[in-house]
């Protein structure tokens, strides 16, 4: 390069470095953080469609594949519009005197989310969209509990009402300035907000709607495990946006959250696989991917607070405990939670929320996390975590039961026996997933 151009090149490099630095714009927009949360938002949406859709779709029988894909897709659309109209405002808005329990109506139709509106150092539009993807996947998780037997209309109505009266208030309690957040609950990415609410709602739904025809005596194996593994891989990748994105910054918290998420997923997979290998003599594909989801769900509330050592313990515990929970729900209690939503997400969310209060400690050697907030000890933090678990569990169970009974009285929850036997693809949509 000619010498006379080198000063100009140096100036250009300085300008470029300034352009992409963390504090670039006069309005304090952080370009790096914004780019990461935009990416994380896409990853979380990718978890629902196509990830969860394919994961669940492969697990049902072939006559119901389209119904599950349709339910996940429709929930994505309904939840998006509800979040836009009122959900975001009630979850993250100012509720005045009622602010501890629910937000306000100050941001209906995202009225105050303008191009220049900021949430910290990222655009508020990006934050609202990121949170929208959480509001989408949470009711979609519940689909696995009543798969193959619920009316499509009842599913839509339930999902919409549940989002507004369960998910939105709990989100406000934990992340929107509500009472659990003020108590100091540790829930980095949704142990209470997402996994406990979805898991408990799934358990209640399975009890209220009742088992599928033939359960538990008739075998109902997955019709396409290849599809399920494909969806599982998408969930694993998408979960990095779910957990690491919850740092709301491209920083060390996000990096550690991504690392511990991956470790827990791998440990959960191998732990579940090993349990089945010991019991049945062969490791199963279904077992290893289910263990992955258990590991991911369980690390979620703790992902921003624990270190790699703690993540290993959390993942192994998730694989073992969620495995036994699945066995107990279906074999001992005879509850037809079709795709194991409660034992995987509900139990995983409870376990992870509790473990967050333990492994956040900075006094556990190789298993230490980031440390507690000022004034908190392990005993006091675990107490707060238990309060969060119990309150979320009880509130979700009661309100979900009321919603299901109300919908059943108005339009009916369940398809008739003939339609269930025929399959929901034809009964609800007059289409076939496979027509060979």
Protein backbone atom coordinates (compact mmCIF):
# COMPACT_ATOMS: atom_id res chain seq x y z
CA UNK A 1 0.00 0.00 0.00
CA UNK A 2 1.45 3.45 -0.89
CA UNK A 3 2.61 5.37 2.19
CA UNK A 4 0.49 8.44 1.43
CA UNK A 5 -2.75 6.42 1.91
CA UNK A 6 -1.90 5.01 5.32
CA UNK A 7 -3.04 8.05 7.38
CA UNK A 8 -6.37 8.05 5.53
CA UNK A 9 -6.75 4.32 6.16
CA UNK A 10 -6.12 4.86 9.87
CA UNK A 11 -8.78 7.57 10.01
CA UNK A 12 -11.24 5.29 8.22
CA UNK A 13 -10.62 2.47 10.67
CA UNK A 14 -11.17 4.78 13.63
CA UNK A 15 -14.43 5.99 12.13
CA UNK A 16 -15.61 2.42 11.54
CA UNK A 17 -14.66 1.40 15.07
CA UNK A 18 -16.61 4.37 16.40
CA UNK A 19 -19.60 3.53 14.24
CA UNK A 20 -19.86 0.02 15.63
CA UNK A 21 -18.87 0.76 19.21
CA UNK A 22 -21.24 0.07 22.09
CA UNK A 23 -22.32 3.69 22.58
CA UNK A 24 -22.72 5.06 19.10
CA UNK A 25 -25.78 7.20 18.76
CA UNK A 26 -26.84 10.31 20.59
CA UNK A 27 -29.94 8.52 21.89
CA UNK A 28 -27.65 5.87 23.48
CA UNK A 29 -28.71 3.09 21.15
CA UNK A 30 -26.34 0.16 21.48
CA UNK A 31 -25.91 -1.29 18.01
CA UNK A 32 -24.27 -4.54 19.12
CA UNK A 33 -26.95 -5.28 21.71
CA UNK A 34 -29.72 -4.41 19.27
CA UNK A 35 -28.31 -6.71 16.61
CA UNK A 36 -28.04 -9.58 19.09
CA UNK A 37 -31.60 -9.21 20.41
CA UNK A 38 -32.94 -9.02 16.85
CA UNK A 39 -31.15 -12.31 16.18
CA UNK A 40 -32.35 -13.84 19.45
CA UNK A 41 -35.93 -12.86 18.62
CA UNK A 42 -35.76 -14.74 15.35
CA UNK A 43 -34.28 -17.75 17.15
CA UNK A 44 -37.11 -17.87 19.71
CA UNK A 45 -39.77 -17.64 17.01
CA UNK A 46 -37.88 -20.42 15.21
CA UNK A 47 -38.43 -22.53 18.33
CA UNK A 48 -42.22 -22.52 17.84
CA UNK A 49 -42.45 -22.60 14.08
CA UNK A 50 -40.96 -24.83 12.90
CA UNK A 51 -39.17 -26.31 15.97
CA UNK A 52 -41.95 -27.13 18.43
CA UNK A 53 -44.38 -27.82 15.58
CA UNK A 54 -42.17 -30.57 14.16
CA UNK A 55 -41.17 -31.90 17.59
CA UNK A 56 -44.80 -32.33 18.62
CA UNK A 57 -45.98 -33.28 15.15
CA UNK A 58 -43.74 -36.33 14.98
CA UNK A 59 -44.91 -37.53 18.38
CA UNK A 60 -48.60 -37.86 17.55
CA UNK A 61 -50.22 -40.45 15.32
CA UNK A 62 -50.27 -39.81 11.57
CA UNK A 63 -53.99 -39.01 11.54
CA UNK A 64 -53.36 -35.98 13.80
CA UNK A 65 -50.15 -34.52 12.39
CA UNK A 66 -51.78 -31.57 10.63
CA UNK A 67 -53.90 -30.72 13.67
CA UNK A 68 -50.80 -30.23 15.81
CA UNK A 69 -48.99 -28.19 13.16
CA UNK A 70 -52.13 -26.09 12.71
CA UNK A 71 -52.51 -25.49 16.44
CA UNK A 72 -48.93 -24.25 16.80
CA UNK A 73 -49.25 -22.04 13.74
CA UNK A 74 -52.60 -20.59 14.77
CA UNK A 75 -51.41 -19.89 18.31
CA UNK A 76 -48.46 -17.99 16.84
CA UNK A 77 -50.87 -15.71 14.98
CA UNK A 78 -53.37 -15.23 17.82
CA UNK A 79 -50.74 -14.66 20.51
CA UNK A 80 -48.94 -12.12 18.32
CA UNK A 81 -52.04 -9.97 17.85
CA UNK A 82 -53.07 -10.23 21.49
CA UNK A 83 -49.58 -9.21 22.60
CA UNK A 84 -49.75 -6.25 20.20
CA UNK A 85 -53.20 -5.10 21.28
CA UNK A 86 -53.10 -5.47 25.05
CA UNK A 87 -50.68 -8.16 26.28
CA UNK A 88 -47.47 -6.15 26.21
CA UNK A 89 -49.12 -3.21 27.95
CA UNK A 90 -50.53 -5.36 30.76
CA UNK A 91 -47.28 -7.27 31.21
CA UNK A 92 -44.81 -4.39 31.11
CA UNK A 93 -46.94 -1.26 31.46
CA UNK A 94 -47.45 0.89 34.54
CA UNK A 95 -50.47 -0.35 36.45
CA UNK A 96 -50.48 2.43 39.04
CA UNK A 97 -51.66 1.21 42.43
CA UNK A 98 -52.17 -2.31 41.04
CA UNK A 99 -48.68 -2.42 39.61
CA UNK A 100 -47.58 -5.33 41.84
CA UNK A 101 -50.05 -7.67 40.16
CA UNK A 102 -50.80 -6.36 36.66
CA UNK A 103 -49.68 -3.60 34.34
CA UNK A 104 -51.82 -0.85 32.88
CA UNK A 105 -53.46 0.14 29.62
CA UNK A 106 -51.02 2.90 28.78
CA UNK A 107 -49.55 1.02 25.83
CA UNK A 108 -52.63 -0.45 24.14
CA UNK A 109 -51.90 -1.19 20.47
CA UNK A 110 -48.27 -0.41 21.31
CA UNK A 111 -49.28 3.24 21.16
CA UNK A 112 -46.09 4.49 22.79
CA UNK A 113 -43.70 2.13 21.03
CA UNK A 114 -42.31 4.51 18.45
CA UNK A 115 -39.28 4.24 16.22
CA UNK A 116 -37.20 6.17 18.71
CA UNK A 117 -38.59 4.56 21.88
CA UNK A 118 -35.92 2.84 23.95
CA UNK A 119 -35.89 0.00 26.46
CA UNK A 120 -32.53 0.40 28.11
CA UNK A 121 -30.09 0.66 25.23
CA UNK A 122 -32.15 -1.25 22.63
CA UNK A 123 -35.25 -0.07 20.75
CA UNK A 124 -38.45 -0.81 22.65
CA UNK A 125 -39.87 -2.27 19.45
CA UNK A 126 -37.15 -4.94 19.58
CA UNK A 127 -37.83 -5.66 23.26
CA UNK A 128 -41.59 -5.90 22.65
CA UNK A 129 -41.04 -8.28 19.74
CA UNK A 130 -38.59 -10.39 21.74
CA UNK A 131 -41.12 -10.73 24.54
CA UNK A 132 -43.84 -11.49 22.00
CA UNK A 133 -42.00 -14.65 20.97
CA UNK A 134 -42.10 -15.83 24.60
CA UNK A 135 -45.84 -15.15 24.69
CA UNK A 136 -46.16 -17.28 21.54
CA UNK A 137 -44.28 -20.38 22.64
CA UNK A 138 -45.77 -20.62 26.15
CA UNK A 139 -49.38 -21.45 25.18
CA UNK A 140 -48.03 -23.50 22.27
CA UNK A 141 -46.26 -25.78 24.76
CA UNK A 142 -49.63 -26.68 26.31
CA UNK A 143 -50.77 -28.17 22.99
CA UNK A 144 -48.85 -31.34 23.84
CA UNK A 145 -51.12 -32.10 26.79
CA UNK A 146 -54.42 -32.32 24.91
CA UNK A 147 -53.15 -33.36 21.49
CA UNK A 148 -55.37 -35.64 19.40
CA UNK A 149 -58.66 -34.88 21.19
CA UNK A 150 -59.44 -31.17 21.61
CA UNK A 151 -61.69 -29.12 19.34
CA UNK A 152 -59.77 -26.59 17.29
CA UNK A 153 -62.18 -23.81 18.25
CA UNK A 154 -61.84 -24.67 21.95
CA UNK A 155 -58.05 -24.72 21.64
CA UNK A 156 -58.02 -21.26 20.07
CA UNK A 157 -60.36 -19.75 22.67
CA UNK A 158 -58.49 -21.36 25.55
CA UNK A 159 -55.08 -20.25 24.27
CA UNK A 160 -56.22 -16.66 23.83
CA UNK A 161 -57.87 -16.35 27.23
CA UNK A 162 -55.09 -18.23 29.00
CA UNK A 163 -52.48 -15.90 27.54
CA UNK A 164 -54.32 -12.88 28.91
CA UNK A 165 -55.30 -14.13 32.37
CA UNK A 166 -52.38 -16.44 33.23
CA UNK A 167 -49.29 -15.70 31.15
CA UNK A 168 -49.56 -11.90 31.14
CA UNK A 169 -50.09 -11.45 34.91
CA UNK A 170 -47.30 -13.88 35.83
CA UNK A 171 -44.98 -12.13 33.37
CA UNK A 172 -45.73 -8.87 35.13
CA UNK A 173 -45.16 -10.41 38.57
CA UNK A 174 -41.68 -11.59 37.57
CA UNK A 175 -40.34 -9.32 34.82
CA UNK A 176 -42.66 -6.33 34.63
CA UNK A 177 -41.99 -4.75 38.01
CA UNK A 178 -44.43 -6.94 39.94
CA UNK A 179 -44.30 -8.43 43.41
CA UNK A 180 -42.17 -11.51 42.68
CA UNK A 181 -39.55 -9.45 40.91
CA UNK A 182 -39.50 -7.01 43.83
CA UNK A 183 -38.99 -9.94 46.23
CA UNK A 184 -35.87 -10.86 44.28
CA UNK A 185 -37.04 -13.99 42.46
CA UNK A 186 -34.35 -15.38 40.17
CA UNK A 187 -35.94 -16.31 36.85
CA UNK A 188 -33.61 -15.36 34.06
CA UNK A 189 -35.54 -16.65 31.04
CA UNK A 190 -38.82 -18.20 32.16
CA UNK A 191 -38.79 -21.02 34.70
CA UNK A 192 -41.91 -19.63 36.34
CA UNK A 193 -43.21 -17.41 33.54
CA UNK A 194 -42.96 -20.03 30.79
CA UNK A 195 -42.32 -23.56 32.02
CA UNK A 196 -44.25 -23.75 35.28
CA UNK A 197 -47.27 -21.95 33.81
CA UNK A 198 -47.32 -24.12 30.68
CA UNK A 199 -46.59 -27.33 32.58
CA UNK A 200 -49.25 -26.80 35.25
CA UNK A 201 -51.81 -25.73 32.65
CA UNK A 202 -51.01 -28.89 30.71
CA UNK A 203 -51.58 -31.08 33.77
CA UNK A 204 -54.91 -29.42 34.54
CA UNK A 205 -55.99 -29.66 30.89
CA UNK A 206 -55.15 -33.36 30.74
CA UNK A 207 -57.22 -33.97 33.86
CA UNK A 208 -60.21 -31.89 32.76
CA UNK A 209 -60.36 -33.11 29.14
CA UNK A 210 -59.62 -36.72 30.02
CA UNK A 211 -57.48 -39.36 28.31
CA UNK A 212 -57.46 -40.29 24.65
CA UNK A 213 -59.54 -43.24 23.56
CA UNK A 214 -57.52 -46.37 24.34
CA UNK A 215 -55.24 -44.81 26.97
CA UNK A 216 -53.43 -46.42 28.79
CA UNK A 217 -53.98 -49.92 27.39
CA UNK A 218 -53.53 -49.12 23.69
CA UNK A 219 -50.05 -48.33 22.37
CA UNK A 220 -49.81 -44.87 20.80
CA UNK A 221 -46.25 -44.61 19.49
CA UNK A 222 -44.90 -41.53 17.65
CA UNK A 223 -45.61 -41.77 13.95
CA UNK A 224 -42.43 -40.01 12.74
CA UNK A 225 -39.42 -39.81 15.05
CA UNK A 226 -37.34 -38.37 12.22
CA UNK A 227 -39.60 -35.34 12.29
CA UNK A 228 -39.34 -35.16 16.07
CA UNK A 229 -35.53 -35.24 16.06
CA UNK A 230 -35.51 -32.51 13.40
CA UNK A 231 -37.74 -30.37 15.59
CA UNK A 232 -35.59 -31.15 18.63
CA UNK A 233 -32.49 -29.88 16.86
CA UNK A 234 -34.29 -26.65 16.01
CA UNK A 235 -35.38 -26.27 19.63
CA UNK A 236 -31.82 -26.74 20.87
CA UNK A 237 -30.46 -24.05 18.55
CA UNK A 238 -33.41 -21.73 19.12
CA UNK A 239 -33.02 -22.02 22.89
CA UNK A 240 -29.79 -20.04 22.69
CA UNK A 241 -31.93 -17.05 21.71
CA UNK A 242 -34.38 -17.89 24.47
CA UNK A 243 -31.79 -17.95 27.27
CA UNK A 244 -28.81 -15.95 26.04
CA UNK A 245 -31.14 -13.35 24.52
CA UNK A 246 -32.67 -12.76 27.94
CA UNK A 247 -29.49 -10.93 28.94
CA UNK A 248 -30.79 -8.18 26.61
CA UNK A 249 -27.18 -7.47 25.70
CA UNK A 250 -24.27 -8.93 23.77
CA UNK A 251 -22.11 -9.37 26.85
CA UNK A 252 -20.65 -11.87 29.30
CA UNK A 253 -24.05 -12.68 30.79
CA UNK A 254 -25.31 -13.73 27.37
CA UNK A 255 -22.17 -15.76 26.72
CA UNK A 256 -22.40 -17.61 30.01
CA UNK A 257 -26.14 -18.20 29.56
CA UNK A 258 -25.45 -19.77 26.17
CA UNK A 259 -22.66 -21.95 27.55
CA UNK A 260 -24.63 -23.27 30.53
CA UNK A 261 -27.69 -23.84 28.34
CA UNK A 262 -25.69 -26.09 26.04
CA UNK A 263 -24.07 -28.00 28.91
CA UNK A 264 -27.41 -28.64 30.59
CA UNK A 265 -29.01 -29.81 27.33
CA UNK A 266 -26.20 -32.28 26.68
CA UNK A 267 -26.23 -33.57 30.27
CA UNK A 268 -30.02 -33.92 30.30
CA UNK A 269 -29.96 -35.84 27.04
CA UNK A 270 -27.39 -38.36 28.23
CA UNK A 271 -28.97 -38.72 31.68
CA UNK A 272 -32.43 -39.52 30.26
CA UNK A 273 -30.95 -41.84 27.65
CA UNK A 274 -29.00 -43.68 30.34
CA UNK A 275 -32.10 -44.15 32.50
CA UNK A 276 -33.94 -45.77 29.60
CA UNK A 277 -30.90 -47.81 28.65
CA UNK A 278 -30.71 -49.25 32.16
CA UNK A 279 -34.43 -49.98 32.34
CA UNK A 280 -35.11 -51.30 28.83
CA UNK A 281 -31.69 -52.48 27.68
CA UNK A 282 -31.50 -50.10 24.72
CA UNK A 283 -31.11 -46.31 24.42
CA UNK A 284 -33.99 -44.67 22.56
CA UNK A 285 -34.03 -41.75 20.18
CA UNK A 286 -37.20 -40.47 21.82
CA UNK A 287 -35.47 -40.61 25.20
CA UNK A 288 -32.39 -38.64 24.21
CA UNK A 289 -34.37 -35.79 22.60
CA UNK A 290 -36.85 -35.65 25.50
CA UNK A 291 -33.91 -35.45 27.91
CA UNK A 292 -32.56 -32.56 25.85
CA UNK A 293 -35.81 -30.62 26.28
CA UNK A 294 -35.79 -31.40 30.01
CA UNK A 295 -32.23 -30.12 30.31
CA UNK A 296 -33.08 -26.96 28.37
CA UNK A 297 -36.26 -26.23 30.31
CA UNK A 298 -34.60 -26.81 33.67
CA UNK A 299 -31.60 -24.55 33.03
CA UNK A 300 -33.81 -21.74 31.70
CA UNK A 301 -34.56 -19.91 34.98
CA UNK A 302 -30.98 -20.37 36.21
CA UNK A 303 -29.13 -19.68 32.96
CA UNK A 304 -28.10 -16.13 33.85
CA UNK A 305 -27.09 -16.92 37.41
CA UNK A 306 -25.13 -20.19 37.45
CA UNK A 307 -21.78 -21.37 36.15
CA UNK A 308 -20.83 -24.39 34.03
CA UNK A 309 -20.43 -26.68 37.07
CA UNK A 310 -23.90 -25.85 38.31
CA UNK A 311 -25.29 -26.35 34.79
CA UNK A 312 -23.88 -29.88 34.71
CA UNK A 313 -25.64 -30.78 37.95
CA UNK A 314 -28.86 -29.14 36.76
CA UNK A 315 -28.81 -31.01 33.44
CA UNK A 316 -28.13 -34.40 34.99
CA UNK A 317 -30.83 -33.82 37.62
CA UNK A 318 -33.29 -32.77 34.92
CA UNK A 319 -32.69 -35.92 32.89
CA UNK A 320 -33.19 -38.21 35.87
CA UNK A 321 -35.99 -36.44 37.77
CA UNK A 322 -38.06 -35.53 34.71
CA UNK A 323 -37.71 -39.10 33.45
CA UNK A 324 -39.17 -40.49 36.67
CA UNK A 325 -41.87 -37.80 36.65
CA UNK A 326 -42.93 -38.94 33.19
CA UNK A 327 -43.16 -42.53 34.36
CA UNK A 328 -45.19 -41.52 37.42
CA UNK A 329 -47.67 -39.31 35.54
CA UNK A 330 -48.58 -41.90 32.91
CA UNK A 331 -48.01 -45.23 34.63
CA UNK A 332 -48.82 -44.56 38.27
CA UNK A 333 -51.39 -41.77 38.08
CA UNK A 334 -52.77 -42.72 34.61
CA UNK A 335 -52.90 -39.10 33.45
CA UNK A 336 -52.82 -38.73 29.68
CA UNK A 337 -50.57 -35.71 29.31
CA UNK A 338 -50.07 -36.83 25.73
CA UNK A 339 -46.63 -35.41 25.01
CA UNK A 340 -45.32 -35.13 28.60
CA UNK A 341 -45.63 -31.38 28.99
CA UNK A 342 -45.97 -31.32 32.78
CA UNK A 343 -43.23 -33.82 33.68
CA UNK A 344 -40.78 -32.19 31.29
CA UNK A 345 -41.64 -28.48 31.41
CA UNK A 346 -43.56 -28.20 34.67
CA UNK A 347 -41.26 -30.36 36.74
CA UNK A 348 -38.23 -28.96 34.91
CA UNK A 349 -39.35 -25.39 35.56
CA UNK A 350 -39.88 -26.10 39.26
CA UNK A 351 -36.53 -27.86 39.56
CA UNK A 352 -34.66 -25.15 37.68
CA UNK A 353 -36.24 -22.32 39.64
CA UNK A 354 -35.24 -24.02 42.89
CA UNK A 355 -31.72 -24.77 41.65
CA UNK A 356 -31.28 -21.14 40.61
CA UNK A 357 -31.53 -20.21 44.27
CA UNK A 358 -28.83 -22.73 45.15
CA UNK A 359 -26.25 -22.59 42.37
CA UNK A 360 -26.28 -18.80 42.10
CA UNK A 361 -24.13 -18.92 45.25
CA UNK A 362 -20.52 -17.85 44.80
CA UNK A 363 -19.38 -20.12 47.67
CA UNK A 364 -19.73 -23.53 46.03
CA UNK A 365 -16.30 -23.84 44.50
CA UNK A 366 -16.42 -25.18 40.94
CA UNK A 367 -20.21 -25.20 41.15
CA UNK A 368 -20.49 -21.49 42.00
CA UNK A 369 -22.56 -18.94 40.14
CA UNK A 370 -22.57 -15.14 40.03
CA UNK A 371 -23.49 -14.64 43.70
CA UNK A 372 -26.64 -13.34 45.37
CA UNK A 373 -27.92 -9.79 45.47
CA UNK A 374 -27.01 -7.70 48.49
CA UNK A 375 -28.66 -8.94 51.67
CA UNK A 376 -29.58 -12.34 50.25
CA UNK A 377 -28.27 -15.63 51.58
CA UNK A 378 -28.86 -19.10 50.16
CA UNK A 379 -31.63 -19.68 52.72
CA UNK A 380 -33.40 -16.41 51.94
CA UNK A 381 -32.99 -16.83 48.19
CA UNK A 382 -34.33 -20.39 48.22
CA UNK A 383 -37.30 -19.14 50.27
CA UNK A 384 -38.06 -16.55 47.58
CA UNK A 385 -37.74 -19.20 44.89
CA UNK A 386 -40.21 -21.46 46.70
CA UNK A 387 -42.67 -18.58 47.05
CA UNK A 388 -42.39 -17.99 43.29
CA UNK A 389 -42.90 -21.68 42.49
CA UNK A 390 -45.91 -22.15 44.78
CA UNK A 391 -47.67 -18.92 43.83
CA UNK A 392 -47.22 -19.54 40.10
CA UNK A 393 -48.34 -23.16 40.44
CA UNK A 394 -51.48 -22.39 42.46
CA UNK A 395 -52.56 -19.35 40.43
CA UNK A 396 -52.05 -21.15 37.12
CA UNK A 397 -53.88 -24.29 38.26
CA UNK A 398 -56.94 -22.45 39.56
CA UNK A 399 -57.35 -20.05 36.64
CA UNK A 400 -56.67 -22.75 34.03
CA UNK A 401 -59.31 -25.02 35.60
CA UNK A 402 -61.88 -22.19 35.57
CA UNK A 403 -61.12 -21.37 31.94
CA UNK A 404 -61.43 -24.98 30.79
CA UNK A 405 -64.72 -25.51 32.61
CA UNK A 406 -66.10 -22.26 31.20
CA UNK A 407 -65.11 -23.12 27.63
CA UNK A 408 -66.47 -26.64 28.00
CA UNK A 409 -69.82 -25.23 29.09
CA UNK A 410 -69.95 -22.76 26.19
CA UNK A 411 -68.67 -24.67 23.15
CA UNK A 412 -67.33 -28.00 24.43
CA UNK A 413 -63.69 -28.95 24.77
CA UNK A 414 -63.51 -32.35 23.20
CA UNK A 415 -64.29 -33.77 19.78
CA UNK A 416 -66.77 -36.63 19.68
CA UNK A 417 -65.64 -40.24 19.67
CA UNK A 418 -66.14 -40.69 15.93
CA UNK A 419 -63.99 -37.67 15.10
CA UNK A 420 -61.28 -38.77 17.54
CA UNK A 421 -61.20 -42.20 15.94
CA UNK A 422 -61.05 -40.71 12.45
CA UNK A 423 -58.35 -38.24 13.45
CA UNK A 424 -58.40 -34.47 13.83
CA UNK A 425 -56.76 -33.80 10.47
CA UNK A 426 -59.96 -34.82 8.68
CA UNK A 427 -62.43 -34.02 11.44
CA UNK A 428 -61.25 -30.44 12.04
CA UNK A 429 -59.54 -29.46 8.80
CA UNK A 430 -60.75 -31.86 6.11
CA UNK A 431 -57.15 -32.46 5.07
CA UNK A 432 -54.60 -35.27 5.36
CA UNK A 433 -51.01 -34.97 6.41
CA UNK A 434 -50.12 -37.99 4.28
CA UNK A 435 -52.02 -39.12 1.23
CA UNK A 436 -50.00 -41.94 -0.32
